[in-house]
């Protein structure tokens, strides 16, 4: 029988970004513009552990390095 289990990841990089930006904006993350208007969310998860990624999202500089998300104004 084939094993079909998958590893559960509580927070993806895109969800971490939305969570941190919503705290800075003092709003619900569902009220933020879609992240995919600024960057490909699937690519963030794939690349976030192997390189440094930097982009702008609603006026914030988002930096992802070694799986850590930093938000700068």
PDB file of N, CA and C in Angstrom:
ATOM      1  N   UNK A   1       0.836  -1.175   0.000  1.00  0.00           N
ATOM      2  CA  UNK A   1       0.000   0.000   0.000  1.00  0.00           C
ATOM      3  C   UNK A   1       0.887   1.247   0.000  1.00  0.00           C
ATOM      4  N   UNK A   2       0.538   2.203  -0.835  1.00  0.00           N
ATOM      5  CA  UNK A   2       1.320   3.428  -0.969  1.00  0.00           C
ATOM      6  C   UNK A   2       1.013   4.397   0.176  1.00  0.00           C
ATOM      7  N   UNK A   3       2.055   5.021   0.716  1.00  0.00           N
ATOM      8  CA  UNK A   3       1.896   6.002   1.786  1.00  0.00           C
ATOM      9  C   UNK A   3       1.489   7.342   1.175  1.00  0.00           C
ATOM     10  N   UNK A   4       0.346   7.853   1.582  1.00  0.00           N
ATOM     11  CA  UNK A   4      -0.145   9.114   1.027  1.00  0.00           C
ATOM     12  C   UNK A   4      -0.158  10.236   2.059  1.00  0.00           C
ATOM     13  N   UNK A   5       0.605  10.071   3.125  1.00  0.00           N
ATOM     14  CA  UNK A   5       0.645  11.129   4.136  1.00  0.00           C
ATOM     15  C   UNK A   5       1.471  12.303   3.632  1.00  0.00           C
ATOM     16  N   UNK A   6       1.148  13.464   4.128  1.00  0.00           N
ATOM     17  CA  UNK A   6       1.877  14.677   3.763  1.00  0.00           C
ATOM     18  C   UNK A   6       2.299  15.383   5.041  1.00  0.00           C
ATOM     19  N   UNK A   7       3.418  16.064   4.957  1.00  0.00           N
ATOM     20  CA  UNK A   7       3.892  16.813   6.114  1.00  0.00           C
ATOM     21  C   UNK A   7       3.066  18.089   6.241  1.00  0.00           C
ATOM     22  N   UNK A   8       2.528  18.322   7.432  1.00  0.00           N
ATOM     23  CA  UNK A   8       1.719  19.507   7.680  1.00  0.00           C
ATOM     24  C   UNK A   8       2.627  20.668   8.045  1.00  0.00           C
ATOM     25  N   UNK A   9       2.469  21.762   7.346  1.00  0.00           N
ATOM     26  CA  UNK A   9       3.235  22.964   7.646  1.00  0.00           C
ATOM     27  C   UNK A   9       2.248  24.003   8.166  1.00  0.00           C
ATOM     28  N   UNK A  10       2.399  24.375   9.437  1.00  0.00           N
ATOM     29  CA  UNK A  10       1.427  25.264  10.066  1.00  0.00           C
ATOM     30  C   UNK A  10       1.375  26.630   9.386  1.00  0.00           C
ATOM     31  N   UNK A  11       2.527  27.191   9.102  1.00  0.00           N
ATOM     32  CA  UNK A  11       2.568  28.505   8.468  1.00  0.00           C
ATOM     33  C   UNK A  11       3.426  28.449   7.219  1.00  0.00           C
ATOM     34  N   UNK A  12       2.859  28.890   6.118  1.00  0.00           N
ATOM     35  CA  UNK A  12       3.634  29.016   4.894  1.00  0.00           C
ATOM     36  C   UNK A  12       4.257  30.409   4.890  1.00  0.00           C
ATOM     37  N   UNK A  13       5.223  30.617   4.045  1.00  0.00           N
ATOM     38  CA  UNK A  13       5.851  31.931   3.934  1.00  0.00           C
ATOM     39  C   UNK A  13       4.805  32.993   3.571  1.00  0.00           C
ATOM     40  N   UNK A  14       3.945  32.757   2.572  1.00  0.00           N
ATOM     41  CA  UNK A  14       2.922  33.771   2.273  1.00  0.00           C
ATOM     42  C   UNK A  14       2.014  34.083   3.469  1.00  0.00           C
ATOM     43  N   UNK A  15       1.635  33.077   4.239  1.00  0.00           N
ATOM     44  CA  UNK A  15       0.768  33.356   5.392  1.00  0.00           C
ATOM     45  C   UNK A  15       1.519  34.125   6.476  1.00  0.00           C
ATOM     46  N   UNK A  16       2.822  33.862   6.634  1.00  0.00           N
ATOM     47  CA  UNK A  16       3.629  34.640   7.587  1.00  0.00           C
ATOM     48  C   UNK A  16       3.682  36.106   7.164  1.00  0.00           C
ATOM     49  N   UNK A  17       3.849  36.343   5.869  1.00  0.00           N
ATOM     50  CA  UNK A  17       3.907  37.712   5.359  1.00  0.00           C
ATOM     51  C   UNK A  17       2.596  38.431   5.645  1.00  0.00           C
ATOM     52  N   UNK A  18       1.483  37.800   5.293  1.00  0.00           N
ATOM     53  CA  UNK A  18       0.182  38.432   5.507  1.00  0.00           C
ATOM     54  C   UNK A  18      -0.093  38.669   6.983  1.00  0.00           C
ATOM     55  N   UNK A  19       0.318  37.739   7.820  1.00  0.00           N
ATOM     56  CA  UNK A  19       0.119  37.891   9.261  1.00  0.00           C
ATOM     57  C   UNK A  19       0.900  39.100   9.791  1.00  0.00           C
ATOM     58  N   UNK A  20       2.160  39.222   9.392  1.00  0.00           N
ATOM     59  CA  UNK A  20       2.998  40.322   9.878  1.00  0.00           C
ATOM     60  C   UNK A  20       2.537  41.675   9.331  1.00  0.00           C
ATOM     61  N   UNK A  21       2.169  41.726   8.055  1.00  0.00           N
ATOM     62  CA  UNK A  21       1.706  42.987   7.470  1.00  0.00           C
ATOM     63  C   UNK A  21       0.369  43.393   8.091  1.00  0.00           C
ATOM     64  N   UNK A  22      -0.516  42.447   8.328  1.00  0.00           N
ATOM     65  CA  UNK A  22      -1.813  42.790   8.928  1.00  0.00           C
ATOM     66  C   UNK A  22      -1.635  43.358  10.335  1.00  0.00           C
ATOM     67  N   UNK A  23      -0.633  42.881  11.066  1.00  0.00           N
ATOM     68  CA  UNK A  23      -0.347  43.458  12.389  1.00  0.00           C
ATOM     69  C   UNK A  23       0.121  44.901  12.253  1.00  0.00           C
ATOM     70  N   UNK A  24       0.992  45.164  11.273  1.00  0.00           N
ATOM     71  CA  UNK A  24       1.478  46.530  11.066  1.00  0.00           C
ATOM     72  C   UNK A  24       0.352  47.455  10.609  1.00  0.00           C
ATOM     73  N   UNK A  25      -0.556  46.927   9.803  1.00  0.00           N
ATOM     74  CA  UNK A  25      -1.673  47.712   9.279  1.00  0.00           C
ATOM     75  C   UNK A  25      -2.858  47.748  10.242  1.00  0.00           C
ATOM     76  N   UNK A  26      -2.796  46.956  11.309  1.00  0.00           N
ATOM     77  CA  UNK A  26      -3.881  46.848  12.286  1.00  0.00           C
ATOM     78  C   UNK A  26      -5.201  46.486  11.601  1.00  0.00           C
ATOM     79  N   UNK A  27      -5.146  45.395  10.833  1.00  0.00           N
ATOM     80  CA  UNK A  27      -6.334  44.928  10.131  1.00  0.00           C
ATOM     81  C   UNK A  27      -6.298  43.405  10.041  1.00  0.00           C
ATOM     82  N   UNK A  28      -7.386  42.837   9.592  1.00  0.00           N
ATOM     83  CA  UNK A  28      -7.466  41.404   9.353  1.00  0.00           C
ATOM     84  C   UNK A  28      -6.697  41.097   8.073  1.00  0.00           C
ATOM     85  N   UNK A  29      -5.969  39.998   8.049  1.00  0.00           N
ATOM     86  CA  UNK A  29      -5.185  39.682   6.843  1.00  0.00           C
ATOM     87  C   UNK A  29      -6.067  39.461   5.621  1.00  0.00           C
ATOM     88  N   UNK A  30      -7.336  39.129   5.830  1.00  0.00           N
ATOM     89  CA  UNK A  30      -8.255  38.964   4.702  1.00  0.00           C
ATOM     90  C   UNK A  30      -8.622  40.303   4.068  1.00  0.00           C
ATOM     91  N   UNK A  31      -8.364  41.404   4.777  1.00  0.00           N
ATOM     92  CA  UNK A  31      -8.651  42.734   4.244  1.00  0.00           C
ATOM     93  C   UNK A  31      -7.504  43.277   3.389  1.00  0.00           C
ATOM     94  N   UNK A  32      -6.373  42.604   3.380  1.00  0.00           N
ATOM     95  CA  UNK A  32      -5.220  43.042   2.591  1.00  0.00           C
ATOM     96  C   UNK A  32      -5.400  42.661   1.127  1.00  0.00           C
ATOM     97  N   UNK A  33      -4.764  43.416   0.217  1.00  0.00           N
ATOM     98  CA  UNK A  33      -4.794  43.032  -1.198  1.00  0.00           C
ATOM     99  C   UNK A  33      -4.118  41.671  -1.383  1.00  0.00           C
ATOM    100  N   UNK A  34      -4.528  40.924  -2.396  1.00  0.00           N
ATOM    101  CA  UNK A  34      -3.911  39.617  -2.629  1.00  0.00           C
ATOM    102  C   UNK A  34      -2.396  39.733  -2.810  1.00  0.00           C
ATOM    103  N   UNK A  35      -1.679  38.850  -2.160  1.00  0.00           N
ATOM    104  CA  UNK A  35      -0.223  38.844  -2.239  1.00  0.00           C
ATOM    105  C   UNK A  35       0.254  38.570  -3.665  1.00  0.00           C
ATOM    106  N   UNK A  36      -0.514  37.789  -4.420  1.00  0.00           N
ATOM    107  CA  UNK A  36      -0.090  37.426  -5.771  1.00  0.00           C
ATOM    108  C   UNK A  36      -0.057  38.625  -6.720  1.00  0.00           C
ATOM    109  N   UNK A  37      -0.579  39.785  -6.308  1.00  0.00           N
ATOM    110  CA  UNK A  37      -0.435  40.991  -7.128  1.00  0.00           C
ATOM    111  C   UNK A  37       1.004  41.500  -7.097  1.00  0.00           C
ATOM    112  N   UNK A  38       1.770  41.081  -6.091  1.00  0.00           N
ATOM    113  CA  UNK A  38       3.159  41.523  -5.951  1.00  0.00           C
ATOM    114  C   UNK A  38       4.184  40.442  -6.249  1.00  0.00           C
ATOM    115  N   UNK A  39       3.825  39.182  -5.986  1.00  0.00           N
ATOM    116  CA  UNK A  39       4.793  38.094  -6.109  1.00  0.00           C
ATOM    117  C   UNK A  39       4.041  36.765  -6.230  1.00  0.00           C
ATOM    118  N   UNK A  40       4.696  35.759  -6.775  1.00  0.00           N
ATOM    119  CA  UNK A  40       4.109  34.423  -6.885  1.00  0.00           C
ATOM    120  C   UNK A  40       4.247  33.702  -5.542  1.00  0.00           C
ATOM    121  N   UNK A  41       3.152  33.516  -4.793  1.00  0.00           N
ATOM    122  CA  UNK A  41       3.232  32.876  -3.476  1.00  0.00           C
ATOM    123  C   UNK A  41       3.817  31.461  -3.505  1.00  0.00           C
ATOM    124  N   UNK A  42       3.535  30.702  -4.550  1.00  0.00           N
ATOM    125  CA  UNK A  42       4.085  29.345  -4.641  1.00  0.00           C
ATOM    126  C   UNK A  42       5.606  29.379  -4.771  1.00  0.00           C
ATOM    127  N   UNK A  43       6.110  30.347  -5.526  1.00  0.00           N
ATOM    128  CA  UNK A  43       7.560  30.478  -5.684  1.00  0.00           C
ATOM    129  C   UNK A  43       8.220  30.848  -4.357  1.00  0.00           C
ATOM    130  N   UNK A  44       7.537  31.653  -3.540  1.00  0.00           N
ATOM    131  CA  UNK A  44       8.098  32.021  -2.234  1.00  0.00           C
ATOM    132  C   UNK A  44       8.367  30.794  -1.387  1.00  0.00           C
ATOM    133  N   UNK A  45       7.401  29.894  -1.325  1.00  0.00           N
ATOM    134  CA  UNK A  45       7.588  28.680  -0.530  1.00  0.00           C
ATOM    135  C   UNK A  45       8.710  27.817  -1.086  1.00  0.00           C
ATOM    136  N   UNK A  46       8.810  27.752  -2.404  1.00  0.00           N
ATOM    137  CA  UNK A  46       9.821  26.902  -3.023  1.00  0.00           C
ATOM    138  C   UNK A  46      11.234  27.459  -2.853  1.00  0.00           C
ATOM    139  N   UNK A  47      11.378  28.777  -2.880  1.00  0.00           N
ATOM    140  CA  UNK A  47      12.705  29.396  -2.870  1.00  0.00           C
ATOM    141  C   UNK A  47      13.151  29.914  -1.513  1.00  0.00           C
ATOM    142  N   UNK A  48      12.246  30.037  -0.569  1.00  0.00           N
ATOM    143  CA  UNK A  48      12.532  30.753   0.676  1.00  0.00           C
ATOM    144  C   UNK A  48      13.637  30.145   1.532  1.00  0.00           C
ATOM    145  N   UNK A  49      13.924  28.879   1.382  1.00  0.00           N
ATOM    146  CA  UNK A  49      14.966  28.267   2.209  1.00  0.00           C
ATOM    147  C   UNK A  49      16.317  28.212   1.506  1.00  0.00           C
ATOM    148  N   UNK A  50      16.351  28.551   0.213  1.00  0.00           N
ATOM    149  CA  UNK A  50      17.599  28.414  -0.537  1.00  0.00           C
ATOM    150  C   UNK A  50      18.218  29.735  -0.970  1.00  0.00           C
ATOM    151  N   UNK A  51      17.495  30.835  -0.848  1.00  0.00           N
ATOM    152  CA  UNK A  51      18.042  32.111  -1.295  1.00  0.00           C
ATOM    153  C   UNK A  51      17.362  33.268  -0.570  1.00  0.00           C
ATOM    154  N   UNK A  52      17.862  34.458  -0.823  1.00  0.00           N
ATOM    155  CA  UNK A  52      17.266  35.674  -0.257  1.00  0.00           C
ATOM    156  C   UNK A  52      16.297  36.238  -1.288  1.00  0.00           C
ATOM    157  N   UNK A  53      15.101  36.571  -0.836  1.00  0.00           N
ATOM    158  CA  UNK A  53      14.077  37.134  -1.704  1.00  0.00           C
ATOM    159  C   UNK A  53      13.670  38.478  -1.114  1.00  0.00           C
ATOM    160  N   UNK A  54      13.530  39.475  -1.980  1.00  0.00           N
ATOM    161  CA  UNK A  54      13.109  40.798  -1.524  1.00  0.00           C
ATOM    162  C   UNK A  54      12.133  41.366  -2.543  1.00  0.00           C
ATOM    163  N   UNK A  55      11.016  41.929  -2.067  1.00  0.00           N
ATOM    164  CA  UNK A  55      10.043  42.550  -2.949  1.00  0.00           C
ATOM    165  C   UNK A  55       9.218  43.555  -2.155  1.00  0.00           C
ATOM    166  N   UNK A  56       8.440  44.372  -2.857  1.00  0.00           N
ATOM    167  CA  UNK A  56       7.568  45.358  -2.224  1.00  0.00           C
ATOM    168  C   UNK A  56       6.135  44.844  -2.227  1.00  0.00           C
ATOM    169  N   UNK A  57       5.449  45.112  -1.125  1.00  0.00           N
ATOM    170  CA  UNK A  57       4.031  44.751  -1.005  1.00  0.00           C
ATOM    171  C   UNK A  57       3.343  45.850  -0.209  1.00  0.00           C
ATOM    172  N   UNK A  58       2.403  46.515  -0.812  1.00  0.00           N
ATOM    173  CA  UNK A  58       1.638  47.651  -0.277  1.00  0.00           C
ATOM    174  C   UNK A  58       2.494  48.624   0.536  1.00  0.00           C
ATOM    175  N   UNK A  59       3.645  48.974  -0.021  1.00  0.00           N
ATOM    176  CA  UNK A  59       4.504  49.969   0.607  1.00  0.00           C
ATOM    177  C   UNK A  59       5.519  49.424   1.596  1.00  0.00           C
ATOM    178  N   UNK A  60       5.515  48.135   1.846  1.00  0.00           N
ATOM    179  CA  UNK A  60       6.479  47.516   2.757  1.00  0.00           C
ATOM    180  C   UNK A  60       7.530  46.765   1.952  1.00  0.00           C
ATOM    181  N   UNK A  61       8.758  46.765   2.460  1.00  0.00           N
ATOM    182  CA  UNK A  61       9.809  45.941   1.868  1.00  0.00           C
ATOM    183  C   UNK A  61       9.762  44.602   2.597  1.00  0.00           C
ATOM    184  N   UNK A  62       9.532  43.544   1.852  1.00  0.00           N
ATOM    185  CA  UNK A  62       9.463  42.194   2.400  1.00  0.00           C
ATOM    186  C   UNK A  62      10.778  41.500   2.081  1.00  0.00           C
ATOM    187  N   UNK A  63      11.425  40.968   3.103  1.00  0.00           N
ATOM    188  CA  UNK A  63      12.691  40.252   2.921  1.00  0.00           C
ATOM    189  C   UNK A  63      12.527  38.855   3.505  1.00  0.00           C
ATOM    190  N   UNK A  64      12.868  37.859   2.707  1.00  0.00           N
ATOM    191  CA  UNK A  64      12.802  36.471   3.153  1.00  0.00           C
ATOM    192  C   UNK A  64      14.187  35.878   2.983  1.00  0.00           C
ATOM    193  N   UNK A  65      14.727  35.371   4.074  1.00  0.00           N
ATOM    194  CA  UNK A  65      16.064  34.776   4.034  1.00  0.00           C
ATOM    195  C   UNK A  65      16.111  33.620   5.019  1.00  0.00           C
ATOM    196  N   UNK A  66      16.521  32.456   4.524  1.00  0.00           N
ATOM    197  CA  UNK A  66      16.589  31.245   5.355  1.00  0.00           C
ATOM    198  C   UNK A  66      15.261  30.944   6.048  1.00  0.00           C
ATOM    199  N   UNK A  67      14.153  31.204   5.351  1.00  0.00           N
ATOM    200  CA  UNK A  67      12.832  30.921   5.902  1.00  0.00           C
ATOM    201  C   UNK A  67      12.310  31.962   6.873  1.00  0.00           C
ATOM    202  N   UNK A  68      13.103  33.004   7.163  1.00  0.00           N
ATOM    203  CA  UNK A  68      12.692  34.058   8.089  1.00  0.00           C
ATOM    204  C   UNK A  68      12.138  35.241   7.299  1.00  0.00           C
ATOM    205  N   UNK A  69      10.987  35.752   7.749  1.00  0.00           N
ATOM    206  CA  UNK A  69      10.336  36.878   7.083  1.00  0.00           C
ATOM    207  C   UNK A  69      10.587  38.152   7.884  1.00  0.00           C
ATOM    208  N   UNK A  70      11.087  39.186   7.200  1.00  0.00           N
ATOM    209  CA  UNK A  70      11.295  40.495   7.811  1.00  0.00           C
ATOM    210  C   UNK A  70      10.495  41.519   7.016  1.00  0.00           C
ATOM    211  N   UNK A  71       9.793  42.396   7.729  1.00  0.00           N
ATOM    212  CA  UNK A  71       9.001  43.444   7.098  1.00  0.00           C
ATOM    213  C   UNK A  71       9.618  44.784   7.481  1.00  0.00           C
ATOM    214  N   UNK A  72       9.967  45.593   6.474  1.00  0.00           N
ATOM    215  CA  UNK A  72      10.522  46.926   6.721  1.00  0.00           C
ATOM    216  C   UNK A  72       9.608  47.968   6.101  1.00  0.00           C
ATOM    217  N   UNK A  73       9.539  49.123   6.760  1.00  0.00           N
ATOM    218  CA  UNK A  73       8.716  50.215   6.223  1.00  0.00           C
ATOM    219  C   UNK A  73       9.539  51.104   5.339  1.00  0.00           C
TER     220      UNK A  73
END
